[in-house]
Protein backbone atom coordinates (compact mmCIF):
# COMPACT_ATOMS: atom_id res chain seq x y z
CA UNK A 1 109.14 127.08 32.37
CA UNK A 2 112.23 126.59 30.10
CA UNK A 3 114.42 125.68 33.07
CA UNK A 4 112.02 123.61 34.93
CA UNK A 5 112.28 121.78 31.93
CA UNK A 6 115.69 121.10 31.75
CA UNK A 7 115.41 120.31 35.12
CA UNK A 8 113.15 117.14 34.26
CA UNK A 9 115.09 116.25 31.32
CA UNK A 10 118.17 116.19 33.46
CA UNK A 11 116.55 113.92 36.25
CA UNK A 12 114.95 111.80 33.70
CA UNK A 13 118.69 111.30 32.30
CA UNK A 14 120.10 110.43 35.89
CA UNK A 15 117.72 108.02 36.32
CA UNK A 16 117.74 106.93 33.32
CA UNK A 17 121.45 106.17 33.54
CA UNK A 18 121.14 105.07 37.12
CA UNK A 19 119.31 102.05 35.68
CA UNK A 20 121.67 100.83 33.06
CA UNK A 21 122.94 98.01 34.53
CA UNK A 22 126.29 97.43 34.19
CA UNK A 23 127.89 94.80 31.87
CA UNK A 24 129.06 93.16 34.94
CA UNK A 25 125.72 93.13 36.57
CA UNK A 26 124.31 90.38 33.99
CA UNK A 27 126.93 87.87 34.75
CA UNK A 28 125.91 85.32 37.84
CA UNK A 29 128.81 85.49 41.04
CA UNK A 30 132.15 84.30 39.39
CA UNK A 31 132.42 81.54 41.92
CA UNK A 32 129.53 79.58 43.35
CA UNK A 33 131.99 77.02 45.07
CA UNK A 34 131.20 77.75 48.70
CA UNK A 35 127.35 77.12 47.62
CA UNK A 36 127.95 73.73 45.63
CA UNK A 37 129.76 72.32 47.91
CA UNK A 38 127.59 73.27 50.51
CA UNK A 39 124.31 71.56 49.00
CA UNK A 40 126.73 68.55 47.20
CA UNK A 41 128.03 67.39 50.96
CA UNK A 42 124.49 67.95 52.33
CA UNK A 43 123.43 65.44 49.74
CA UNK A 44 125.97 63.00 50.43
CA UNK A 45 124.96 62.91 54.05
CA UNK A 46 121.28 61.97 52.84
CA UNK A 47 121.88 59.65 49.88
CA UNK A 48 125.55 58.01 51.58
CA UNK A 49 126.80 57.77 48.08
CA UNK A 50 130.67 56.83 47.51
CA UNK A 51 130.87 56.86 51.18
CA UNK A 52 134.24 55.36 51.60
CA UNK A 53 134.13 54.14 55.74
CA UNK A 54 131.85 52.86 58.19
CA UNK A 55 131.39 54.70 61.54
CA UNK A 56 131.08 52.14 64.21
CA UNK A 57 129.11 53.59 67.52
CA UNK A 58 128.94 52.45 71.13
CA UNK A 59 126.01 50.81 70.78
CA UNK A 60 126.65 48.78 67.79
CA UNK A 61 125.10 50.56 64.57
CA UNK A 62 126.54 51.52 61.37
CA UNK A 63 126.74 54.60 59.92
CA UNK A 64 128.38 55.23 56.35
CA UNK A 65 130.20 58.39 56.20
CA UNK A 66 133.03 59.57 53.82
CA UNK A 67 137.01 60.23 55.22
CA UNK A 68 136.98 63.73 52.73
CA UNK A 69 134.73 65.11 54.81
CA UNK A 70 135.24 63.76 58.62
CA UNK A 71 138.79 64.94 58.06
CA UNK A 72 138.21 67.92 56.53
CA UNK A 73 135.84 69.12 59.32
CA UNK A 74 137.77 67.50 62.79
CA UNK A 75 141.38 66.99 63.48
CA UNK A 76 140.12 64.34 65.90
CA UNK A 77 138.49 62.52 63.16
CA UNK A 78 141.64 63.28 60.86
CA UNK A 79 144.17 62.12 62.96
CA UNK A 80 141.72 58.49 63.72
CA UNK A 81 141.20 58.22 59.82
CA UNK A 82 144.85 58.22 59.28
CA UNK A 83 145.83 55.24 61.46
CA UNK A 84 144.22 52.49 63.51
CA UNK A 85 146.02 50.74 66.92
CA UNK A 86 147.57 48.71 64.12
CA UNK A 87 148.89 50.98 62.56
CA UNK A 88 146.83 50.67 59.18
CA UNK A 89 144.63 52.65 57.71
CA UNK A 90 140.95 52.70 58.68
CA UNK A 91 140.20 51.87 55.54
CA UNK A 92 140.43 48.99 53.53
CA UNK A 93 143.48 48.30 51.89
CA UNK A 94 141.78 46.24 48.69
CA UNK A 95 139.71 49.14 48.25
CA UNK A 96 136.42 46.87 47.78
CA UNK A 97 134.63 47.89 50.99
CA UNK A 98 134.11 50.79 53.21
CA UNK A 99 136.49 50.18 56.48
CA UNK A 100 135.18 50.44 59.98
CA UNK A 101 135.98 52.88 62.71
CA UNK A 102 134.61 52.63 65.98
CA UNK A 103 133.71 55.48 68.03
CA UNK A 104 132.59 55.98 71.29
CA UNK A 105 129.55 57.45 71.08
CA UNK A 106 126.06 56.37 70.89
CA UNK A 107 124.13 56.10 67.99
CA UNK A 108 122.02 58.68 69.09
CA UNK A 109 125.20 61.30 69.97
CA UNK A 110 127.43 59.88 66.70
CA UNK A 111 124.14 60.81 64.36
CA UNK A 112 123.64 64.37 65.79
CA UNK A 113 127.55 64.50 65.32
CA UNK A 114 127.39 63.37 61.24
CA UNK A 115 124.65 65.58 60.53
CA UNK A 116 126.79 68.66 61.77
CA UNK A 117 129.76 67.71 60.28
CA UNK A 118 127.41 67.75 56.66
CA UNK A 119 124.71 70.21 57.54
CA UNK A 120 126.19 72.34 60.36
CA UNK A 121 122.61 71.44 61.69
CA UNK A 122 121.12 69.33 64.44
CA UNK A 123 118.32 66.93 64.53
CA UNK A 124 115.12 68.69 65.57
CA UNK A 125 113.77 67.13 68.61
CA UNK A 126 116.79 65.46 70.05
CA UNK A 127 116.56 64.28 74.04
CA UNK A 128 118.40 66.70 76.35
CA UNK A 129 120.30 63.44 77.72
CA UNK A 130 121.80 63.12 74.41
CA UNK A 131 122.42 66.82 73.83
CA UNK A 132 124.50 66.88 76.79
CA UNK A 133 126.17 63.93 75.47
CA UNK A 134 127.11 65.27 72.62
CA UNK A 135 128.03 68.66 73.90
CA UNK A 136 131.09 66.53 75.64
CA UNK A 137 131.63 64.54 72.81
CA UNK A 138 132.22 67.75 70.48
CA UNK A 139 135.13 69.32 73.07
CA UNK A 140 136.90 65.72 72.51
CA UNK A 141 136.58 65.50 69.24
CA UNK A 142 137.72 69.49 68.70
CA UNK A 143 134.84 70.69 67.39
CA UNK A 144 134.00 74.27 69.15
CA UNK A 145 131.04 74.92 67.06
CA UNK A 146 128.93 71.98 67.59
CA UNK A 147 129.42 72.19 71.58
CA UNK A 148 128.40 76.02 71.17
CA UNK A 149 125.19 74.84 68.89
CA UNK A 150 124.06 72.39 71.52
CA UNK A 151 124.72 74.94 74.32
CA UNK A 152 122.17 76.53 72.23
CA UNK A 153 120.10 73.80 71.81
CA UNK A 154 120.04 73.07 75.68
CA UNK A 155 119.72 76.78 76.79
CA UNK A 156 116.59 77.20 74.12
CA UNK A 157 115.06 74.27 75.77
CA UNK A 158 115.81 74.61 79.14
CA UNK A 159 112.47 73.64 81.36
CA UNK A 160 112.22 73.21 85.28
CA UNK A 161 112.59 69.53 84.34
CA UNK A 162 115.71 69.37 82.50
CA UNK A 163 118.09 72.56 83.85
CA UNK A 164 118.89 70.79 87.27
CA UNK A 165 121.03 68.56 84.81
CA UNK A 166 122.39 70.58 82.34
CA UNK A 167 123.39 72.72 85.35
CA UNK A 168 125.22 69.58 86.97
CA UNK A 169 126.67 68.77 83.70
CA UNK A 170 127.92 72.69 83.53
CA UNK A 171 129.56 72.13 87.47
CA UNK A 172 131.25 68.69 86.31
CA UNK A 173 132.49 70.52 83.52
CA UNK A 174 134.26 73.24 85.46
CA UNK A 175 135.39 70.96 88.09
CA UNK A 176 137.08 68.73 85.40
CA UNK A 177 138.95 71.96 83.37
CA UNK A 178 140.26 73.30 86.76
CA UNK A 179 141.80 69.95 87.97
CA UNK A 180 143.37 69.68 84.30
CA UNK A 181 144.29 72.88 84.38
CA UNK A 182 142.41 74.36 81.70
CA UNK A 183 139.94 76.56 80.26
CA UNK A 184 136.28 76.44 81.04
CA UNK A 185 135.15 76.42 77.52
CA UNK A 186 132.40 79.51 76.49
CA UNK A 187 129.91 76.95 75.19
CA UNK A 188 129.61 76.08 79.13
CA UNK A 189 129.90 79.59 80.59
CA UNK A 190 127.07 80.37 78.47
CA UNK A 191 125.08 77.62 79.33
CA UNK A 192 125.60 78.38 82.72
CA UNK A 193 123.98 81.61 82.13
CA UNK A 194 121.11 80.44 80.30
CA UNK A 195 120.30 78.22 83.26
CA UNK A 196 120.96 81.21 85.99
CA UNK A 197 118.67 83.41 84.27
CA UNK A 198 115.71 80.44 83.84
CA UNK A 199 116.57 79.61 87.47
CA UNK A 200 115.94 83.31 88.40
CA UNK A 201 112.55 83.57 86.75
CA UNK A 202 111.63 80.15 88.16
CA UNK A 203 113.44 80.02 91.20
CA UNK A 204 111.34 78.96 93.95
CA UNK A 205 110.28 75.42 91.71
CA UNK A 206 114.03 74.83 90.57
CA UNK A 207 115.17 75.24 93.97
CA UNK A 208 112.73 72.62 95.39
CA UNK A 209 113.79 70.43 92.27
CA UNK A 210 117.07 70.51 93.00
CA UNK A 211 117.14 69.86 96.95
CA UNK A 212 115.23 66.85 96.63
CA UNK A 213 117.76 65.54 93.38
CA UNK A 214 119.24 62.69 95.24
CA UNK A 215 121.55 61.99 92.00
CA UNK A 216 123.50 65.45 92.80
CA UNK A 217 127.04 64.69 94.95
CA UNK A 218 128.28 66.73 97.86
CA UNK A 219 130.79 68.89 95.97
CA UNK A 220 128.08 69.43 93.00
CA UNK A 221 125.28 70.00 95.46
CA UNK A 222 127.53 73.20 96.91
CA UNK A 223 128.65 74.25 93.49
CA UNK A 224 125.22 75.00 91.99
CA UNK A 225 123.60 76.10 95.45
CA UNK A 226 126.41 79.22 94.63
CA UNK A 227 124.91 79.49 91.46
CA UNK A 228 121.25 79.83 92.11
CA UNK A 229 120.99 81.21 95.41
CA UNK A 230 122.44 84.55 94.27
CA UNK A 231 119.99 84.55 91.19
CA UNK A 232 116.92 83.64 94.07
CA UNK A 233 118.60 86.90 96.26
CA UNK A 234 118.18 88.66 93.13
CA UNK A 235 114.13 87.70 92.18
CA UNK A 236 113.58 87.90 95.86
CA UNK A 237 114.69 91.77 96.12
CA UNK A 238 112.95 92.68 92.67
CA UNK A 239 110.10 90.92 93.95
CA UNK A 240 110.54 93.33 97.20
CA UNK A 241 111.03 96.39 95.05
CA UNK A 242 107.69 95.55 92.59
CA UNK A 243 105.55 95.84 95.99
CA UNK A 244 107.20 98.81 97.64
CA UNK A 245 106.53 100.71 94.23
CA UNK A 246 103.15 99.16 93.71
CA UNK A 247 102.03 100.41 97.64
CA UNK A 248 103.60 103.54 97.20
CA UNK A 249 101.10 104.57 93.62
CA UNK A 250 98.44 103.79 95.59
């Protein structure tokens, strides 16, 4: 009994020792820089406070922004903000009003890109055509993270109405990369594979829509057929195997 009491007492002491906090555990993390910066930048996007440049979309809308955020997040925008075509700073020299910088993108694409630059998120409910344009713009603006996020957004919202258009874009990007001697981006490869999987699961309807799509050029049509046919063959093979298994069990 005495031995058991000593064991219980020892275990209690160990438990109390384990529950005692170390002095360093009583303090918050030494640095909150990343969290504070992220929260502050997100707030700047909402309020446009201290904006020092106006981005002008190709459709004419003006969007306030911050040179520091744009330059820190994108090499392309850093170069554009350094000097304009006249060799002058993109911001007004007087400092009274923000400078204006034209951007070759429509309002929807530019607005979504700014959301990403400030928050690493995209607005919900973006139309497919806007996300497709955004993905290409991201490549031009040297924003691989945005290109990949746009690709994931497209993949997660694929439908029989959109898969042909998305596949067409992938095909055009692959052809353009080949002609330029560039490597096809990981985002394009991922999106192409996602479309292939969707096409396999909805093969007959996708093939019908694709064959009736009069916007596809002959080269693109041949390329996309090469994508869809193997998935359709694989689907047919799996269906035959399933039927054979079903018959053998009866």
